[in-house]
Amino acid sequence: MLYIIYQEDGPNSAALREQHKPAHFDYLDAHQDILVLGGAMLADDDVTRVGSVLIINVASREAAEEFSANEPLRQAGVFREVKITRMRRGQWNPAAAPKTPEGN
């Protein structure tokens, strides 16, 4: 089952995000078997991180909640709000994805 984990950064969380970014990437690398897509949400300046979105494929809401609860940026208090929502896979077109991480 697919779940979207939508995480909005809290105020003044940039330093916390930077401090815990290596652990965050290690966590995602360790869970490549369930991570479908992940990326930072950007402000309109194309630089400032304002949150992140993860799409994972797990067997239950409980598994999605557990994955999210153990995510290092969440544990560090980077996010002011986290929403976890089940989704169905509709259209699937990876070829339309941007060629660079920043979406260019």
PDB file of N, CA and C in Angstrom:
ATOM      1  N   MET A   1       0.834  -1.172   0.000  1.00  0.00           N
ATOM      2  CA  MET A   1       0.000   0.000   0.000  1.00  0.00           C
ATOM      3  C   MET A   1       0.882   1.239   0.000  1.00  0.00           C
ATOM      4  N   LEU A   2       0.465   2.223  -0.747  1.00  0.00           N
ATOM      5  CA  LEU A   2       1.224   3.467  -0.813  1.00  0.00           C
ATOM      6  C   LEU A   2       0.719   4.448   0.239  1.00  0.00           C
ATOM      7  N   TYR A   3       1.666   5.136   0.854  1.00  0.00           N
ATOM      8  CA  TYR A   3       1.357   6.213   1.803  1.00  0.00           C
ATOM      9  C   TYR A   3       2.209   7.418   1.465  1.00  0.00           C
ATOM     10  N   ILE A   4       1.578   8.587   1.500  1.00  0.00           N
ATOM     11  CA  ILE A   4       2.306   9.855   1.378  1.00  0.00           C
ATOM     12  C   ILE A   4       2.543  10.369   2.795  1.00  0.00           C
ATOM     13  N   ILE A   5       3.777  10.731   3.070  1.00  0.00           N
ATOM     14  CA  ILE A   5       4.123  11.375   4.340  1.00  0.00           C
ATOM     15  C   ILE A   5       4.495  12.810   3.995  1.00  0.00           C
ATOM     16  N   TYR A   6       3.626  13.738   4.391  1.00  0.00           N
ATOM     17  CA  TYR A   6       3.763  15.159   4.074  1.00  0.00           C
ATOM     18  C   TYR A   6       4.215  15.857   5.348  1.00  0.00           C
ATOM     19  N   GLN A   7       5.410  16.451   5.304  1.00  0.00           N
ATOM     20  CA  GLN A   7       6.026  17.002   6.509  1.00  0.00           C
ATOM     21  C   GLN A   7       6.377  18.471   6.301  1.00  0.00           C
ATOM     22  N   GLU A   8       5.749  19.348   7.065  1.00  0.00           N
ATOM     23  CA  GLU A   8       6.031  20.785   6.969  1.00  0.00           C
ATOM     24  C   GLU A   8       7.016  21.191   8.051  1.00  0.00           C
ATOM     25  N   ASP A   9       8.061  21.907   7.636  1.00  0.00           N
ATOM     26  CA  ASP A   9       9.067  22.369   8.590  1.00  0.00           C
ATOM     27  C   ASP A   9       8.470  23.355   9.583  1.00  0.00           C
ATOM     28  N   GLY A  10       9.018  23.322  10.781  1.00  0.00           N
ATOM     29  CA  GLY A  10       8.653  24.301  11.786  1.00  0.00           C
ATOM     30  C   GLY A  10       9.461  25.575  11.589  1.00  0.00           C
ATOM     31  N   PRO A  11       9.104  26.618  12.325  1.00  0.00           N
ATOM     32  CA  PRO A  11       9.853  27.870  12.210  1.00  0.00           C
ATOM     33  C   PRO A  11      11.305  27.689  12.647  1.00  0.00           C
ATOM     34  N   ASN A  12      12.198  28.339  11.946  1.00  0.00           N
ATOM     35  CA  ASN A  12      13.626  28.329  12.288  1.00  0.00           C
ATOM     36  C   ASN A  12      14.208  26.922  12.378  1.00  0.00           C
ATOM     37  N   SER A  13      13.778  26.034  11.496  1.00  0.00           N
ATOM     38  CA  SER A  13      14.250  24.650  11.572  1.00  0.00           C
ATOM     39  C   SER A  13      15.402  24.346  10.610  1.00  0.00           C
ATOM     40  N   ALA A  14      15.865  25.345   9.881  1.00  0.00           N
ATOM     41  CA  ALA A  14      16.919  25.104   8.880  1.00  0.00           C
ATOM     42  C   ALA A  14      18.184  24.527   9.510  1.00  0.00           C
ATOM     43  N   ALA A  15      18.584  25.046  10.656  1.00  0.00           N
ATOM     44  CA  ALA A  15      19.805  24.546  11.302  1.00  0.00           C
ATOM     45  C   ALA A  15      19.624  23.095  11.763  1.00  0.00           C
ATOM     46  N   LEU A  16      18.458  22.774  12.308  1.00  0.00           N
ATOM     47  CA  LEU A  16      18.181  21.395  12.711  1.00  0.00           C
ATOM     48  C   LEU A  16      18.193  20.466  11.507  1.00  0.00           C
ATOM     49  N   ARG A  17      17.572  20.917  10.419  1.00  0.00           N
ATOM     50  CA  ARG A  17      17.539  20.111   9.189  1.00  0.00           C
ATOM     51  C   ARG A  17      18.965  19.830   8.723  1.00  0.00           C
ATOM     52  N   GLU A  18      19.802  20.856   8.694  1.00  0.00           N
ATOM     53  CA  GLU A  18      21.184  20.692   8.224  1.00  0.00           C
ATOM     54  C   GLU A  18      21.964  19.743   9.144  1.00  0.00           C
ATOM     55  N   GLN A  19      21.765  19.881  10.436  1.00  0.00           N
ATOM     56  CA  GLN A  19      22.474  19.057  11.407  1.00  0.00           C
ATOM     57  C   GLN A  19      22.129  17.578  11.258  1.00  0.00           C
ATOM     58  N   HIS A  20      20.885  17.274  10.967  1.00  0.00           N
ATOM     59  CA  HIS A  20      20.428  15.881  10.933  1.00  0.00           C
ATOM     60  C   HIS A  20      20.283  15.322   9.516  1.00  0.00           C
ATOM     61  N   LYS A  21      20.689  16.101   8.521  1.00  0.00           N
ATOM     62  CA  LYS A  21      20.562  15.642   7.134  1.00  0.00           C
ATOM     63  C   LYS A  21      21.336  14.350   6.854  1.00  0.00           C
ATOM     64  N   PRO A  22      22.572  14.179   7.334  1.00  0.00           N
ATOM     65  CA  PRO A  22      23.271  12.909   7.060  1.00  0.00           C
ATOM     66  C   PRO A  22      22.513  11.687   7.605  1.00  0.00           C
ATOM     67  N   ALA A  23      21.978  11.795   8.813  1.00  0.00           N
ATOM     68  CA  ALA A  23      21.216  10.676   9.385  1.00  0.00           C
ATOM     69  C   ALA A  23      19.932  10.437   8.598  1.00  0.00           C
ATOM     70  N   HIS A  24      19.323  11.503   8.125  1.00  0.00           N
ATOM     71  CA  HIS A  24      18.112  11.409   7.306  1.00  0.00           C
ATOM     72  C   HIS A  24      18.398  10.617   6.030  1.00  0.00           C
ATOM     73  N   PHE A  25      19.472  10.969   5.329  1.00  0.00           N
ATOM     74  CA  PHE A  25      19.810  10.260   4.094  1.00  0.00           C
ATOM     75  C   PHE A  25      20.221   8.812   4.369  1.00  0.00           C
ATOM     76  N   ASP A  26      20.922   8.574   5.472  1.00  0.00           N
ATOM     77  CA  ASP A  26      21.261   7.195   5.849  1.00  0.00           C
ATOM     78  C   ASP A  26      19.994   6.380   6.087  1.00  0.00           C
ATOM     79  N   TYR A  27      19.006   6.998   6.747  1.00  0.00           N
ATOM     80  CA  TYR A  27      17.735   6.316   7.024  1.00  0.00           C
ATOM     81  C   TYR A  27      17.013   5.962   5.723  1.00  0.00           C
ATOM     82  N   LEU A  28      16.965   6.921   4.805  1.00  0.00           N
ATOM     83  CA  LEU A  28      16.309   6.659   3.522  1.00  0.00           C
ATOM     84  C   LEU A  28      17.049   5.581   2.742  1.00  0.00           C
ATOM     85  N   ASP A  29      18.379   5.629   2.755  1.00  0.00           N
ATOM     86  CA  ASP A  29      19.166   4.589   2.076  1.00  0.00           C
ATOM     87  C   ASP A  29      18.884   3.204   2.664  1.00  0.00           C
ATOM     88  N   ALA A  30      18.731   3.148   3.979  1.00  0.00           N
ATOM     89  CA  ALA A  30      18.475   1.869   4.640  1.00  0.00           C
ATOM     90  C   ALA A  30      17.076   1.329   4.337  1.00  0.00           C
ATOM     91  N   HIS A  31      16.200   2.205   3.829  1.00  0.00           N
ATOM     92  CA  HIS A  31      14.820   1.806   3.532  1.00  0.00           C
ATOM     93  C   HIS A  31      14.491   1.926   2.047  1.00  0.00           C
ATOM     94  N   GLN A  32      15.496   1.738   1.197  1.00  0.00           N
ATOM     95  CA  GLN A  32      15.260   1.809  -0.242  1.00  0.00           C
ATOM     96  C   GLN A  32      14.219   0.804  -0.704  1.00  0.00           C
ATOM     97  N   ASP A  33      14.061  -0.271   0.044  1.00  0.00           N
ATOM     98  CA  ASP A  33      13.104  -1.309  -0.352  1.00  0.00           C
ATOM     99  C   ASP A  33      11.653  -0.856  -0.253  1.00  0.00           C
ATOM    100  N   ILE A  34      11.374   0.224   0.499  1.00  0.00           N
ATOM    101  CA  ILE A  34      10.001   0.718   0.612  1.00  0.00           C
ATOM    102  C   ILE A  34       9.832   2.148   0.111  1.00  0.00           C
ATOM    103  N   LEU A  35      10.940   2.858  -0.098  1.00  0.00           N
ATOM    104  CA  LEU A  35      10.862   4.254  -0.520  1.00  0.00           C
ATOM    105  C   LEU A  35      10.620   4.336  -2.025  1.00  0.00           C
ATOM    106  N   VAL A  36       9.455   4.863  -2.393  1.00  0.00           N
ATOM    107  CA  VAL A  36       9.098   5.017  -3.802  1.00  0.00           C
ATOM    108  C   VAL A  36       9.616   6.346  -4.329  1.00  0.00           C
ATOM    109  N   LEU A  37       9.442   7.400  -3.550  1.00  0.00           N
ATOM    110  CA  LEU A  37       9.843   8.745  -3.961  1.00  0.00           C
ATOM    111  C   LEU A  37      10.017   9.592  -2.717  1.00  0.00           C
ATOM    112  N   GLY A  38      11.005  10.444  -2.720  1.00  0.00           N
ATOM    113  CA  GLY A  38      11.197  11.360  -1.607  1.00  0.00           C
ATOM    114  C   GLY A  38      11.877  12.615  -2.088  1.00  0.00           C
ATOM    115  N   GLY A  39      11.531  13.715  -1.458  1.00  0.00           N
ATOM    116  CA  GLY A  39      12.188  14.963  -1.818  1.00  0.00           C
ATOM    117  C   GLY A  39      11.767  16.096  -0.910  1.00  0.00           C
ATOM    118  N   ALA A  40      12.633  17.113  -0.862  1.00  0.00           N
ATOM    119  CA  ALA A  40      12.334  18.310  -0.075  1.00  0.00           C
ATOM    120  C   ALA A  40      11.329  19.177  -0.814  1.00  0.00           C
ATOM    121  N   MET A  41      10.451  19.813  -0.057  1.00  0.00           N
ATOM    122  CA  MET A  41       9.567  20.835  -0.623  1.00  0.00           C
ATOM    123  C   MET A  41      10.334  22.150  -0.577  1.00  0.00           C
ATOM    124  N   LEU A  42      10.202  22.930  -1.639  1.00  0.00           N
ATOM    125  CA  LEU A  42      10.955  24.174  -1.760  1.00  0.00           C
ATOM    126  C   LEU A  42      10.025  25.388  -1.744  1.00  0.00           C
ATOM    127  N   ALA A  43      10.541  26.477  -1.166  1.00  0.00           N
ATOM    128  CA  ALA A  43       9.856  27.767  -1.268  1.00  0.00           C
ATOM    129  C   ALA A  43      10.007  28.277  -2.698  1.00  0.00           C
ATOM    130  N   ASP A  44       9.301  29.317  -3.023  1.00  0.00           N
ATOM    131  CA  ASP A  44       9.340  29.862  -4.379  1.00  0.00           C
ATOM    132  C   ASP A  44      10.709  30.393  -4.782  1.00  0.00           C
ATOM    133  N   ASP A  45      11.625  30.568  -3.809  1.00  0.00           N
ATOM    134  CA  ASP A  45      12.975  31.014  -4.166  1.00  0.00           C
ATOM    135  C   ASP A  45      13.828  29.864  -4.724  1.00  0.00           C
ATOM    136  N   ASP A  46      13.268  28.654  -4.780  1.00  0.00           N
ATOM    137  CA  ASP A  46      13.935  27.457  -5.306  1.00  0.00           C
ATOM    138  C   ASP A  46      15.119  26.990  -4.471  1.00  0.00           C
ATOM    139  N   VAL A  47      15.290  27.529  -3.282  1.00  0.00           N
ATOM    140  CA  VAL A  47      16.429  27.170  -2.435  1.00  0.00           C
ATOM    141  C   VAL A  47      15.973  26.739  -1.043  1.00  0.00           C
ATOM    142  N   THR A  48      15.126  27.530  -0.432  1.00  0.00           N
ATOM    143  CA  THR A  48      14.718  27.303   0.947  1.00  0.00           C
ATOM    144  C   THR A  48      13.850  26.061   1.073  1.00  0.00           C
ATOM    145  N   ARG A  49      14.268  25.147   1.938  1.00  0.00           N
ATOM    146  CA  ARG A  49      13.475  23.946   2.207  1.00  0.00           C
ATOM    147  C   ARG A  49      12.347  24.313   3.171  1.00  0.00           C
ATOM    148  N   VAL A  50      11.136  23.852   2.866  1.00  0.00           N
ATOM    149  CA  VAL A  50       9.983  24.155   3.715  1.00  0.00           C
ATOM    150  C   VAL A  50       9.313  22.882   4.233  1.00  0.00           C
ATOM    151  N   GLY A  51       9.891  21.746   3.891  1.00  0.00           N
ATOM    152  CA  GLY A  51       9.341  20.475   4.338  1.00  0.00           C
ATOM    153  C   GLY A  51       9.834  19.368   3.439  1.00  0.00           C
ATOM    154  N   SER A  52       9.192  18.220   3.539  1.00  0.00           N
ATOM    155  CA  SER A  52       9.533  17.131   2.641  1.00  0.00           C
ATOM    156  C   SER A  52       8.334  16.218   2.445  1.00  0.00           C
ATOM    157  N   VAL A  53       8.386  15.486   1.353  1.00  0.00           N
ATOM    158  CA  VAL A  53       7.354  14.519   1.021  1.00  0.00           C
ATOM    159  C   VAL A  53       8.034  13.189   0.760  1.00  0.00           C
ATOM    160  N   LEU A  54       7.490  12.152   1.339  1.00  0.00           N
ATOM    161  CA  LEU A  54       7.966  10.793   1.106  1.00  0.00           C
ATOM    162  C   LEU A  54       6.771   9.959   0.672  1.00  0.00           C
ATOM    163  N   ILE A  55       6.962   9.137  -0.324  1.00  0.00           N
ATOM    164  CA  ILE A  55       5.957   8.149  -0.692  1.00  0.00           C
ATOM    165  C   ILE A  55       6.590   6.791  -0.443  1.00  0.00           C
ATOM    166  N   ILE A  56       5.940   6.004   0.406  1.00  0.00           N
ATOM    167  CA  ILE A  56       6.472   4.696   0.757  1.00  0.00           C
ATOM    168  C   ILE A  56       5.448   3.608   0.430  1.00  0.00           C
ATOM    169  N   ASN A  57       5.950   2.406   0.248  1.00  0.00           N
ATOM    170  CA  ASN A  57       5.121   1.246  -0.043  1.00  0.00           C
ATOM    171  C   ASN A  57       5.279   0.259   1.103  1.00  0.00           C
ATOM    172  N   VAL A  58       4.281   0.233   1.996  1.00  0.00           N
ATOM    173  CA  VAL A  58       4.319  -0.638   3.168  1.00  0.00           C
ATOM    174  C   VAL A  58       2.980  -1.357   3.317  1.00  0.00           C
ATOM    175  N   ALA A  59       2.935  -2.341   4.182  1.00  0.00           N
ATOM    176  CA  ALA A  59       1.760  -3.205   4.304  1.00  0.00           C
ATOM    177  C   ALA A  59       0.599  -2.597   5.087  1.00  0.00           C
ATOM    178  N   SER A  60       0.863  -1.547   5.886  1.00  0.00           N
ATOM    179  CA  SER A  60      -0.206  -1.040   6.757  1.00  0.00           C
ATOM    180  C   SER A  60       0.069   0.399   7.185  1.00  0.00           C
ATOM    181  N   ARG A  61      -0.982   1.037   7.689  1.00  0.00           N
ATOM    182  CA  ARG A  61      -0.822   2.375   8.267  1.00  0.00           C
ATOM    183  C   ARG A  61       0.152   2.330   9.437  1.00  0.00           C
ATOM    184  N   GLU A  62       0.085   1.284  10.226  1.00  0.00           N
ATOM    185  CA  GLU A  62       0.991   1.160  11.370  1.00  0.00           C
ATOM    186  C   GLU A  62       2.446   1.166  10.908  1.00  0.00           C
ATOM    187  N   ALA A  63       2.729   0.475   9.809  1.00  0.00           N
ATOM    188  CA  ALA A  63       4.096   0.459   9.285  1.00  0.00           C
ATOM    189  C   ALA A  63       4.501   1.846   8.786  1.00  0.00           C
ATOM    190  N   ALA A  64       3.565   2.561   8.176  1.00  0.00           N
ATOM    191  CA  ALA A  64       3.856   3.928   7.723  1.00  0.00           C
ATOM    192  C   ALA A  64       4.116   4.842   8.909  1.00  0.00           C
ATOM    193  N   GLU A  65       3.301   4.708   9.949  1.00  0.00           N
ATOM    194  CA  GLU A  65       3.487   5.511  11.170  1.00  0.00           C
ATOM    195  C   GLU A  65       4.836   5.211  11.821  1.00  0.00           C
ATOM    196  N   GLU A  66       5.205   3.948  11.858  1.00  0.00           N
ATOM    197  CA  GLU A  66       6.482   3.560  12.463  1.00  0.00           C
ATOM    198  C   GLU A  66       7.660   4.118  11.658  1.00  0.00           C
ATOM    199  N   PHE A  67       7.590   3.989  10.338  1.00  0.00           N
ATOM    200  CA  PHE A  67       8.645   4.540   9.487  1.00  0.00           C
ATOM    201  C   PHE A  67       8.798   6.037   9.753  1.00  0.00           C
ATOM    202  N   SER A  68       7.681   6.757   9.778  1.00  0.00           N
ATOM    203  CA  SER A  68       7.715   8.202   9.992  1.00  0.00           C
ATOM    204  C   SER A  68       8.244   8.556  11.382  1.00  0.00           C
ATOM    205  N   ALA A  69       7.791   7.842  12.387  1.00  0.00           N
ATOM    206  CA  ALA A  69       8.203   8.142  13.763  1.00  0.00           C
ATOM    207  C   ALA A  69       9.701   7.971  13.964  1.00  0.00           C
ATOM    208  N   ASN A  70      10.318   7.079  13.194  1.00  0.00           N
ATOM    209  CA  ASN A  70      11.746   6.812  13.337  1.00  0.00           C
ATOM    210  C   ASN A  70      12.621   7.621  12.392  1.00  0.00           C
ATOM    211  N   GLU A  71      12.014   8.432  11.569  1.00  0.00           N
ATOM    212  CA  GLU A  71      12.765   9.233  10.597  1.00  0.00           C
ATOM    213  C   GLU A  71      13.549  10.315  11.355  1.00  0.00           C
ATOM    214  N   PRO A  72      14.856  10.441  11.122  1.00  0.00           N
ATOM    215  CA  PRO A  72      15.694  11.333  11.925  1.00  0.00           C
ATOM    216  C   PRO A  72      15.273  12.807  11.938  1.00  0.00           C
ATOM    217  N   LEU A  73      14.806  13.348  10.825  1.00  0.00           N
ATOM    218  CA  LEU A  73      14.385  14.753  10.853  1.00  0.00           C
ATOM    219  C   LEU A  73      13.158  14.935  11.736  1.00  0.00           C
ATOM    220  N   ARG A  74      12.267  13.971  11.698  1.00  0.00           N
ATOM    221  CA  ARG A  74      11.089  14.045  12.581  1.00  0.00           C
ATOM    222  C   ARG A  74      11.508  13.899  14.033  1.00  0.00           C
ATOM    223  N   GLN A  75      12.373  12.949  14.321  1.00  0.00           N
ATOM    224  CA  GLN A  75      12.833  12.759  15.700  1.00  0.00           C
ATOM    225  C   GLN A  75      13.555  13.992  16.224  1.00  0.00           C
ATOM    226  N   ALA A  76      14.228  14.724  15.342  1.00  0.00           N
ATOM    227  CA  ALA A  76      14.969  15.918  15.757  1.00  0.00           C
ATOM    228  C   ALA A  76      14.064  17.125  15.968  1.00  0.00           C
ATOM    229  N   GLY A  77      12.797  17.020  15.581  1.00  0.00           N
ATOM    230  CA  GLY A  77      11.869  18.133  15.776  1.00  0.00           C
ATOM    231  C   GLY A  77      11.860  19.138  14.642  1.00  0.00           C
ATOM    232  N   VAL A  78      12.294  18.747  13.454  1.00  0.00           N
ATOM    233  CA  VAL A  78      12.319  19.660  12.309  1.00  0.00           C
ATOM    234  C   VAL A  78      10.907  20.043  11.875  1.00  0.00           C
ATOM    235  N   PHE A  79       9.964  19.128  11.974  1.00  0.00           N
ATOM    236  CA  PHE A  79       8.640  19.341  11.393  1.00  0.00           C
ATOM    237  C   PHE A  79       7.632  19.862  12.402  1.00  0.00           C
ATOM    238  N   ARG A  80       6.836  20.833  11.961  1.00  0.00           N
ATOM    239  CA  ARG A  80       5.752  21.330  12.807  1.00  0.00           C
ATOM    240  C   ARG A  80       4.493  20.514  12.605  1.00  0.00           C
ATOM    241  N   GLU A  81       4.410  19.879  11.430  1.00  0.00           N
ATOM    242  CA  GLU A  81       3.235  19.061  11.146  1.00  0.00           C
ATOM    243  C   GLU A  81       3.616  17.906  10.234  1.00  0.00           C
ATOM    244  N   VAL A  82       3.055  16.743  10.526  1.00  0.00           N
ATOM    245  CA  VAL A  82       3.258  15.556   9.703  1.00  0.00           C
ATOM    246  C   VAL A  82       1.881  14.962   9.421  1.00  0.00           C
ATOM    247  N   LYS A  83       1.603  14.730   8.137  1.00  0.00           N
ATOM    248  CA  LYS A  83       0.355  14.083   7.735  1.00  0.00           C
ATOM    249  C   LYS A  83       0.709  12.813   6.966  1.00  0.00           C
ATOM    250  N   ILE A  84       0.031  11.743   7.297  1.00  0.00           N
ATOM    251  CA  ILE A  84       0.242  10.477   6.603  1.00  0.00           C
ATOM    252  C   ILE A  84      -1.090  10.065   5.991  1.00  0.00           C
ATOM    253  N   THR A  85      -1.086   9.884   4.678  1.00  0.00           N
ATOM    254  CA  THR A  85      -2.315   9.589   3.958  1.00  0.00           C
ATOM    255  C   THR A  85      -2.095   8.433   3.006  1.00  0.00           C
ATOM    256  N   ARG A  86      -3.016   7.512   3.010  1.00  0.00           N
ATOM    257  CA  ARG A  86      -2.955   6.402   2.057  1.00  0.00           C
ATOM    258  C   ARG A  86      -3.336   6.920   0.683  1.00  0.00           C
ATOM    259  N   MET A  87      -2.704   6.369  -0.321  1.00  0.00           N
ATOM    260  CA  MET A  87      -3.035   6.763  -1.693  1.00  0.00           C
ATOM    261  C   MET A  87      -3.059   5.522  -2.571  1.00  0.00           C
ATOM    262  N   ARG A  88      -3.695   5.643  -3.696  1.00  0.00           N
ATOM    263  CA  ARG A  88      -3.638   4.579  -4.683  1.00  0.00           C
ATOM    264  C   ARG A  88      -2.759   5.059  -5.823  1.00  0.00           C
ATOM    265  N   ARG A  89      -2.102   4.126  -6.450  1.00  0.00           N
ATOM    266  CA  ARG A  89      -1.287   4.491  -7.604  1.00  0.00           C
ATOM    267  C   ARG A  89      -2.215   4.668  -8.794  1.00  0.00           C
ATOM    268  N   GLY A  90      -2.221   5.867  -9.309  1.00  0.00           N
ATOM    269  CA  GLY A  90      -3.003   6.158 -10.500  1.00  0.00           C
ATOM    270  C   GLY A  90      -2.064   6.202 -11.694  1.00  0.00           C
ATOM    271  N   GLN A  91      -1.988   7.337 -12.300  1.00  0.00           N
ATOM    272  CA  GLN A  91      -1.076   7.490 -13.422  1.00  0.00           C
ATOM    273  C   GLN A  91       0.354   7.355 -12.923  1.00  0.00           C
ATOM    274  N   TRP A  92       1.174   6.746 -13.748  1.00  0.00           N
ATOM    275  CA  TRP A  92       2.563   6.486 -13.365  1.00  0.00           C
ATOM    276  C   TRP A  92       3.411   6.787 -14.582  1.00  0.00           C
ATOM    277  N   ASN A  93       4.184   7.866 -14.528  1.00  0.00           N
ATOM    278  CA  ASN A  93       4.968   8.262 -15.678  1.00  0.00           C
ATOM    279  C   ASN A  93       6.325   8.794 -15.236  1.00  0.00           C
ATOM    280  N   PRO A  94       7.234   7.924 -14.815  1.00  0.00           N
ATOM    281  CA  PRO A  94       8.547   8.379 -14.364  1.00  0.00           C
ATOM    282  C   PRO A  94       9.315   9.140 -15.438  1.00  0.00           C
ATOM    283  N   ALA A  95       9.032   8.893 -16.699  1.00  0.00           N
ATOM    284  CA  ALA A  95       9.741   9.589 -17.778  1.00  0.00           C
ATOM    285  C   ALA A  95       9.451  11.097 -17.757  1.00  0.00           C
ATOM    286  N   ALA A  96       8.336  11.507 -17.161  1.00  0.00           N
ATOM    287  CA  ALA A  96       7.988  12.926 -17.092  1.00  0.00           C
ATOM    288  C   ALA A  96       8.642  13.638 -15.919  1.00  0.00           C
ATOM    289  N   ALA A  97       9.336  12.896 -15.067  1.00  0.00           N
ATOM    290  CA  ALA A  97       9.987  13.494 -13.910  1.00  0.00           C
ATOM    291  C   ALA A  97      11.122  14.400 -14.360  1.00  0.00           C
ATOM    292  N   PRO A  98      11.411  15.459 -13.577  1.00  0.00           N
ATOM    293  CA  PRO A  98      12.514  16.336 -13.920  1.00  0.00           C
ATOM    294  C   PRO A  98      13.841  15.582 -13.939  1.00  0.00           C
ATOM    295  N   LYS A  99      14.776  16.087 -14.701  1.00  0.00           N
ATOM    296  CA  LYS A  99      16.073  15.430 -14.842  1.00  0.00           C
ATOM    297  C   LYS A  99      17.062  15.817 -13.755  1.00  0.00           C
ATOM    298  N   THR A 100      16.782  16.884 -13.004  1.00  0.00           N
ATOM    299  CA  THR A 100      17.659  17.309 -11.911  1.00  0.00           C
ATOM    300  C   THR A 100      16.918  17.293 -10.588  1.00  0.00           C
ATOM    301  N   PRO A 101      17.629  17.182  -9.468  1.00  0.00           N
ATOM    302  CA  PRO A 101      16.963  17.178  -8.163  1.00  0.00           C
ATOM    303  C   PRO A 101      16.140  18.439  -7.894  1.00  0.00           C
ATOM    304  N   GLU A 102      16.557  19.572  -8.446  1.00  0.00           N
ATOM    305  CA  GLU A 102      15.843  20.821  -8.185  1.00  0.00           C
ATOM    306  C   GLU A 102      14.660  21.016  -9.130  1.00  0.00           C
ATOM    307  N   GLY A 103      14.430  20.060 -10.022  1.00  0.00           N
ATOM    308  CA  GLY A 103      13.257  20.122 -10.870  1.00  0.00           C
ATOM    309  C   GLY A 103      13.410  20.872 -12.168  1.00  0.00           C
ATOM    310  N   ASN A 104      14.644  21.105 -12.587  1.00  0.00           N
ATOM    311  CA  ASN A 104      14.879  21.849 -13.832  1.00  0.00           C
ATOM    312  C   ASN A 104      14.865  20.926 -15.026  1.00  0.00           C
TER     313      ASN A 104
END
